[in-house]
Amino acid sequence: MCPNMDDDDNLEDFDFVRQLHRTVFEGFYQGWYNTRATMLPQKCFGDWMDDSSDSIVQVFESLDDGDIWGISHQMLRDSVNDGMDMFFVNIDECQMYRFAYNNYQWCMENPGVCF
């Protein structure tokens, strides 16, 4: 534990990883586009993911306890849907397509430098 940190200041594992991903993406974009401005919307790896993670954690905890028959069809469906939502919503919100398209467009305009 870090000094001067109360137990209330500790992040849950999922929250830490979520914020780490956001920080890495933000830093990557800022470095790539040479700007200090915040480029990502709040929804990119945002708080909305915390609620979605509950169904996934519930399924993994049941599997970890060896209770495979305790996982209902609905629990499994909810966890897979939430996982896919987390993946695809973040692709949209973190603007990964914009980054890929900008690089493609720049390379097509500057083929000698790009290749």
N, C-alpha and C. Protein backbone atom coordinates (compact mmCIF):
# COMPACT_ATOMS: atom_id res chain seq x y z
N MET A 1 0.85 -1.18 0.00
CA MET A 1 0.00 0.00 0.00
C MET A 1 0.89 1.24 0.00
N CYS A 2 0.49 2.23 -0.72
CA CYS A 2 1.25 3.48 -0.79
C CYS A 2 1.09 4.26 0.50
N PRO A 3 2.12 4.98 0.91
CA PRO A 3 1.97 5.81 2.10
C PRO A 3 0.94 6.90 1.87
N ASN A 4 0.34 7.33 2.96
CA ASN A 4 -0.66 8.41 2.94
C ASN A 4 -1.90 8.06 2.13
N MET A 5 -2.20 6.79 1.99
CA MET A 5 -3.42 6.39 1.31
C MET A 5 -4.30 5.63 2.28
N ASP A 6 -5.54 6.05 2.39
CA ASP A 6 -6.51 5.32 3.19
C ASP A 6 -7.05 4.17 2.36
N ASP A 7 -7.70 3.23 3.01
CA ASP A 7 -8.32 2.12 2.28
C ASP A 7 -9.37 2.63 1.31
N ASP A 8 -10.01 3.77 1.63
CA ASP A 8 -11.03 4.32 0.74
C ASP A 8 -10.44 4.81 -0.57
N ASP A 9 -9.13 5.11 -0.58
CA ASP A 9 -8.48 5.64 -1.77
C ASP A 9 -8.08 4.55 -2.75
N ASN A 10 -8.10 3.32 -2.32
CA ASN A 10 -7.69 2.22 -3.20
C ASN A 10 -8.73 1.98 -4.27
N LEU A 11 -8.26 1.74 -5.48
CA LEU A 11 -9.16 1.45 -6.58
C LEU A 11 -9.44 -0.03 -6.64
N GLU A 12 -10.63 -0.37 -7.05
CA GLU A 12 -10.92 -1.76 -7.35
C GLU A 12 -10.10 -2.16 -8.56
N ASP A 13 -9.83 -3.43 -8.72
CA ASP A 13 -8.99 -3.89 -9.83
C ASP A 13 -9.54 -3.46 -11.18
N PHE A 14 -10.83 -3.67 -11.39
CA PHE A 14 -11.42 -3.33 -12.68
C PHE A 14 -11.34 -1.83 -12.94
N ASP A 15 -11.63 -1.04 -11.91
CA ASP A 15 -11.59 0.41 -12.05
C ASP A 15 -10.17 0.88 -12.37
N PHE A 16 -9.18 0.28 -11.72
CA PHE A 16 -7.78 0.62 -12.00
C PHE A 16 -7.42 0.31 -13.44
N VAL A 17 -7.76 -0.88 -13.91
CA VAL A 17 -7.43 -1.27 -15.29
C VAL A 17 -8.16 -0.38 -16.29
N ARG A 18 -9.41 -0.07 -16.01
CA ARG A 18 -10.18 0.82 -16.89
C ARG A 18 -9.52 2.19 -17.00
N GLN A 19 -9.14 2.76 -15.87
CA GLN A 19 -8.49 4.07 -15.88
C GLN A 19 -7.10 4.01 -16.51
N LEU A 20 -6.41 2.90 -16.31
CA LEU A 20 -5.10 2.71 -16.94
C LEU A 20 -5.23 2.70 -18.46
N HIS A 21 -6.21 1.97 -18.98
CA HIS A 21 -6.44 1.94 -20.42
C HIS A 21 -6.73 3.34 -20.96
N ARG A 22 -7.57 4.07 -20.27
CA ARG A 22 -7.91 5.43 -20.71
C ARG A 22 -6.67 6.32 -20.73
N THR A 23 -5.85 6.23 -19.70
CA THR A 23 -4.65 7.05 -19.62
C THR A 23 -3.67 6.69 -20.72
N VAL A 24 -3.51 5.41 -21.00
CA VAL A 24 -2.60 4.97 -22.07
C VAL A 24 -3.09 5.47 -23.42
N PHE A 25 -4.38 5.29 -23.70
CA PHE A 25 -4.94 5.77 -24.97
C PHE A 25 -4.79 7.28 -25.10
N GLU A 26 -5.12 8.00 -24.04
CA GLU A 26 -5.02 9.46 -24.08
C GLU A 26 -3.58 9.90 -24.33
N GLY A 27 -2.64 9.29 -23.63
CA GLY A 27 -1.24 9.64 -23.82
C GLY A 27 -0.74 9.29 -25.21
N PHE A 28 -1.17 8.16 -25.74
CA PHE A 28 -0.78 7.76 -27.09
C PHE A 28 -1.28 8.76 -28.12
N TYR A 29 -2.56 9.13 -28.01
CA TYR A 29 -3.13 10.09 -28.95
C TYR A 29 -2.47 11.46 -28.83
N GLN A 30 -2.22 11.90 -27.60
CA GLN A 30 -1.58 13.20 -27.41
C GLN A 30 -0.18 13.21 -28.01
N GLY A 31 0.55 12.13 -27.84
CA GLY A 31 1.88 12.05 -28.42
C GLY A 31 1.85 11.95 -29.94
N TRP A 32 0.94 11.15 -30.46
CA TRP A 32 0.85 10.96 -31.91
C TRP A 32 0.46 12.24 -32.64
N TYR A 33 -0.51 12.96 -32.05
CA TYR A 33 -1.00 14.19 -32.67
C TYR A 33 -0.28 15.44 -32.15
N ASN A 34 0.71 15.24 -31.28
CA ASN A 34 1.54 16.33 -30.74
C ASN A 34 0.69 17.44 -30.14
N THR A 35 -0.12 17.07 -29.17
CA THR A 35 -0.99 18.04 -28.49
C THR A 35 -1.09 17.67 -27.02
N ARG A 36 -1.38 18.64 -26.18
CA ARG A 36 -1.59 18.39 -24.75
C ARG A 36 -3.08 18.38 -24.43
N ALA A 37 -3.90 18.66 -25.41
CA ALA A 37 -5.34 18.74 -25.20
C ALA A 37 -5.93 17.36 -24.95
N THR A 38 -7.00 17.30 -24.19
CA THR A 38 -7.73 16.06 -23.99
C THR A 38 -8.46 15.74 -25.28
N MET A 39 -8.20 14.57 -25.82
CA MET A 39 -8.75 14.22 -27.12
C MET A 39 -9.90 13.23 -27.04
N LEU A 40 -10.00 12.52 -25.94
CA LEU A 40 -10.99 11.45 -25.83
C LEU A 40 -12.23 11.93 -25.07
N PRO A 41 -13.41 11.51 -25.51
CA PRO A 41 -14.62 11.83 -24.76
C PRO A 41 -14.66 11.07 -23.43
N GLN A 42 -15.44 11.56 -22.50
CA GLN A 42 -15.54 10.94 -21.18
C GLN A 42 -16.01 9.49 -21.24
N LYS A 43 -16.77 9.14 -22.26
CA LYS A 43 -17.33 7.79 -22.34
C LYS A 43 -16.26 6.75 -22.72
N CYS A 44 -15.14 7.20 -23.26
CA CYS A 44 -14.05 6.28 -23.61
C CYS A 44 -13.45 5.71 -22.32
N PHE A 45 -13.60 4.41 -22.11
CA PHE A 45 -13.20 3.74 -20.88
C PHE A 45 -13.75 4.47 -19.66
N GLY A 46 -15.02 4.88 -19.74
CA GLY A 46 -15.64 5.67 -18.69
C GLY A 46 -16.29 4.84 -17.60
N ASP A 47 -16.94 5.55 -16.67
CA ASP A 47 -17.59 4.92 -15.52
C ASP A 47 -18.70 3.96 -15.90
N TRP A 48 -19.27 4.11 -17.08
CA TRP A 48 -20.36 3.24 -17.51
C TRP A 48 -19.92 1.78 -17.52
N MET A 49 -18.62 1.53 -17.64
CA MET A 49 -18.13 0.15 -17.70
C MET A 49 -18.23 -0.56 -16.36
N ASP A 50 -18.26 0.19 -15.25
CA ASP A 50 -18.32 -0.43 -13.93
C ASP A 50 -19.58 -1.27 -13.77
N ASP A 51 -20.72 -0.73 -14.20
CA ASP A 51 -21.97 -1.49 -14.08
C ASP A 51 -21.96 -2.72 -14.99
N SER A 52 -21.38 -2.56 -16.17
CA SER A 52 -21.33 -3.68 -17.12
C SER A 52 -20.42 -4.79 -16.63
N SER A 53 -19.45 -4.45 -15.83
CA SER A 53 -18.50 -5.48 -15.37
C SER A 53 -19.10 -6.41 -14.33
N ASP A 54 -20.18 -5.99 -13.66
CA ASP A 54 -20.76 -6.80 -12.59
C ASP A 54 -21.19 -8.17 -13.07
N SER A 55 -21.84 -8.24 -14.23
CA SER A 55 -22.31 -9.54 -14.73
C SER A 55 -21.13 -10.43 -15.12
N ILE A 56 -20.09 -9.85 -15.64
CA ILE A 56 -18.91 -10.63 -16.02
C ILE A 56 -18.21 -11.16 -14.79
N VAL A 57 -18.06 -10.32 -13.78
CA VAL A 57 -17.41 -10.73 -12.53
C VAL A 57 -18.20 -11.84 -11.86
N GLN A 58 -19.51 -11.75 -11.90
CA GLN A 58 -20.36 -12.76 -11.28
C GLN A 58 -20.14 -14.13 -11.93
N VAL A 59 -20.05 -14.18 -13.24
CA VAL A 59 -19.82 -15.45 -13.94
C VAL A 59 -18.43 -15.98 -13.61
N PHE A 60 -17.43 -15.13 -13.63
CA PHE A 60 -16.07 -15.59 -13.34
C PHE A 60 -15.91 -16.06 -11.90
N GLU A 61 -16.60 -15.40 -10.97
CA GLU A 61 -16.55 -15.84 -9.58
C GLU A 61 -17.20 -17.21 -9.42
N SER A 62 -18.30 -17.45 -10.11
CA SER A 62 -18.95 -18.76 -10.06
C SER A 62 -18.03 -19.83 -10.64
N LEU A 63 -17.38 -19.52 -11.75
CA LEU A 63 -16.44 -20.48 -12.34
C LEU A 63 -15.25 -20.73 -11.43
N ASP A 64 -14.77 -19.69 -10.78
CA ASP A 64 -13.63 -19.83 -9.87
C ASP A 64 -13.99 -20.69 -8.67
N ASP A 65 -15.25 -20.61 -8.23
CA ASP A 65 -15.71 -21.44 -7.11
C ASP A 65 -16.03 -22.87 -7.55
N GLY A 66 -15.94 -23.15 -8.84
CA GLY A 66 -16.25 -24.48 -9.35
C GLY A 66 -17.74 -24.73 -9.51
N ASP A 67 -18.52 -23.69 -9.49
CA ASP A 67 -19.98 -23.81 -9.57
C ASP A 67 -20.45 -23.56 -11.00
N ILE A 68 -20.06 -24.45 -11.91
CA ILE A 68 -20.41 -24.27 -13.32
C ILE A 68 -21.92 -24.40 -13.54
N TRP A 69 -22.59 -25.22 -12.74
CA TRP A 69 -24.03 -25.40 -12.91
C TRP A 69 -24.83 -24.29 -12.26
N GLY A 70 -24.16 -23.40 -11.52
CA GLY A 70 -24.84 -22.27 -10.91
C GLY A 70 -24.97 -21.08 -11.85
N ILE A 71 -24.38 -21.21 -13.03
CA ILE A 71 -24.43 -20.12 -14.01
C ILE A 71 -25.61 -20.37 -14.93
N SER A 72 -26.57 -19.47 -14.87
CA SER A 72 -27.75 -19.64 -15.70
C SER A 72 -27.48 -19.15 -17.12
N HIS A 73 -28.37 -19.54 -18.01
CA HIS A 73 -28.28 -19.10 -19.40
C HIS A 73 -28.33 -17.58 -19.48
N GLN A 74 -29.20 -16.97 -18.69
CA GLN A 74 -29.34 -15.51 -18.69
C GLN A 74 -28.08 -14.82 -18.16
N MET A 75 -27.47 -15.38 -17.11
CA MET A 75 -26.23 -14.81 -16.58
C MET A 75 -25.13 -14.83 -17.64
N LEU A 76 -25.01 -15.94 -18.32
CA LEU A 76 -23.99 -16.07 -19.35
C LEU A 76 -24.28 -15.12 -20.51
N ARG A 77 -25.52 -15.04 -20.90
CA ARG A 77 -25.90 -14.13 -21.99
C ARG A 77 -25.61 -12.68 -21.62
N ASP A 78 -25.98 -12.28 -20.40
CA ASP A 78 -25.73 -10.91 -19.95
C ASP A 78 -24.24 -10.59 -19.91
N SER A 79 -23.44 -11.52 -19.43
CA SER A 79 -22.00 -11.26 -19.32
C SER A 79 -21.35 -11.15 -20.70
N VAL A 80 -21.75 -12.00 -21.63
CA VAL A 80 -21.19 -11.92 -22.99
C VAL A 80 -21.64 -10.62 -23.67
N ASN A 81 -22.91 -10.27 -23.53
CA ASN A 81 -23.40 -9.02 -24.12
C ASN A 81 -22.69 -7.81 -23.53
N ASP A 82 -22.50 -7.81 -22.20
CA ASP A 82 -21.80 -6.69 -21.56
C ASP A 82 -20.35 -6.62 -22.02
N GLY A 83 -19.70 -7.77 -22.17
CA GLY A 83 -18.32 -7.78 -22.65
C GLY A 83 -18.20 -7.26 -24.07
N MET A 84 -19.12 -7.66 -24.93
CA MET A 84 -19.10 -7.18 -26.31
C MET A 84 -19.42 -5.69 -26.37
N ASP A 85 -20.35 -5.23 -25.53
CA ASP A 85 -20.65 -3.80 -25.47
C ASP A 85 -19.42 -3.01 -25.04
N MET A 86 -18.72 -3.50 -24.03
CA MET A 86 -17.51 -2.81 -23.58
C MET A 86 -16.50 -2.70 -24.71
N PHE A 87 -16.33 -3.76 -25.45
CA PHE A 87 -15.35 -3.79 -26.54
C PHE A 87 -15.75 -2.82 -27.66
N PHE A 88 -16.97 -2.95 -28.17
CA PHE A 88 -17.36 -2.17 -29.34
C PHE A 88 -17.68 -0.72 -29.01
N VAL A 89 -18.26 -0.45 -27.85
CA VAL A 89 -18.53 0.94 -27.47
C VAL A 89 -17.21 1.69 -27.31
N ASN A 90 -16.21 1.04 -26.74
CA ASN A 90 -14.92 1.70 -26.58
C ASN A 90 -14.22 1.91 -27.92
N ILE A 91 -14.41 1.01 -28.86
CA ILE A 91 -13.85 1.24 -30.20
C ILE A 91 -14.46 2.52 -30.78
N ASP A 92 -15.77 2.69 -30.63
CA ASP A 92 -16.43 3.88 -31.15
C ASP A 92 -16.06 5.13 -30.35
N GLU A 93 -16.16 5.05 -29.04
CA GLU A 93 -15.95 6.23 -28.19
C GLU A 93 -14.49 6.67 -28.15
N CYS A 94 -13.56 5.73 -28.21
CA CYS A 94 -12.13 6.08 -28.16
C CYS A 94 -11.60 6.49 -29.52
N GLN A 95 -12.46 6.50 -30.51
CA GLN A 95 -12.15 7.00 -31.84
C GLN A 95 -11.00 6.25 -32.51
N MET A 96 -10.97 4.95 -32.34
CA MET A 96 -9.90 4.15 -32.93
C MET A 96 -9.96 4.17 -34.46
N TYR A 97 -11.17 4.27 -35.01
CA TYR A 97 -11.31 4.35 -36.46
C TYR A 97 -10.72 5.66 -37.00
N ARG A 98 -10.94 6.75 -36.27
CA ARG A 98 -10.41 8.04 -36.70
C ARG A 98 -8.88 7.98 -36.76
N PHE A 99 -8.27 7.39 -35.76
CA PHE A 99 -6.81 7.26 -35.73
C PHE A 99 -6.32 6.44 -36.92
N ALA A 100 -6.96 5.30 -37.17
CA ALA A 100 -6.56 4.45 -38.30
C ALA A 100 -6.77 5.18 -39.62
N TYR A 101 -7.90 5.87 -39.77
CA TYR A 101 -8.18 6.58 -41.02
C TYR A 101 -7.22 7.74 -41.23
N ASN A 102 -6.89 8.49 -40.18
CA ASN A 102 -5.94 9.59 -40.30
C ASN A 102 -4.57 9.09 -40.76
N ASN A 103 -4.14 7.96 -40.22
CA ASN A 103 -2.85 7.40 -40.64
C ASN A 103 -2.90 6.91 -42.08
N TYR A 104 -3.97 6.28 -42.44
CA TYR A 104 -4.14 5.82 -43.82
C TYR A 104 -4.12 7.00 -44.79
N GLN A 105 -4.88 8.05 -44.46
CA GLN A 105 -4.96 9.22 -45.32
C GLN A 105 -3.59 9.90 -45.44
N TRP A 106 -2.88 10.01 -44.33
CA TRP A 106 -1.56 10.65 -44.36
C TRP A 106 -0.59 9.84 -45.20
N CYS A 107 -0.63 8.51 -45.07
CA CYS A 107 0.27 7.66 -45.85
C CYS A 107 -0.04 7.73 -47.34
N MET A 108 -1.32 7.86 -47.69
CA MET A 108 -1.67 7.97 -49.10
C MET A 108 -1.22 9.30 -49.68
N GLU A 109 -1.18 10.34 -48.86
CA GLU A 109 -0.74 11.65 -49.32
C GLU A 109 0.78 11.81 -49.30
N ASN A 110 1.46 11.00 -48.49
CA ASN A 110 2.92 11.09 -48.32
C ASN A 110 3.56 9.70 -48.44
N PRO A 111 3.42 9.03 -49.57
CA PRO A 111 3.90 7.64 -49.66
C PRO A 111 5.42 7.52 -49.50
N GLY A 112 6.18 8.46 -49.94
CA GLY A 112 7.63 8.37 -49.79
C GLY A 112 8.07 8.42 -48.34
N VAL A 113 7.44 9.25 -47.56
CA VAL A 113 7.77 9.38 -46.14
C VAL A 113 7.20 8.19 -45.36
N CYS A 114 6.01 7.81 -45.72
CA CYS A 114 5.31 6.74 -44.98
C CYS A 114 6.01 5.40 -45.13
N PHE A 115 6.40 5.08 -46.36
CA PHE A 115 7.01 3.77 -46.60
C PHE A 115 8.50 3.87 -46.54
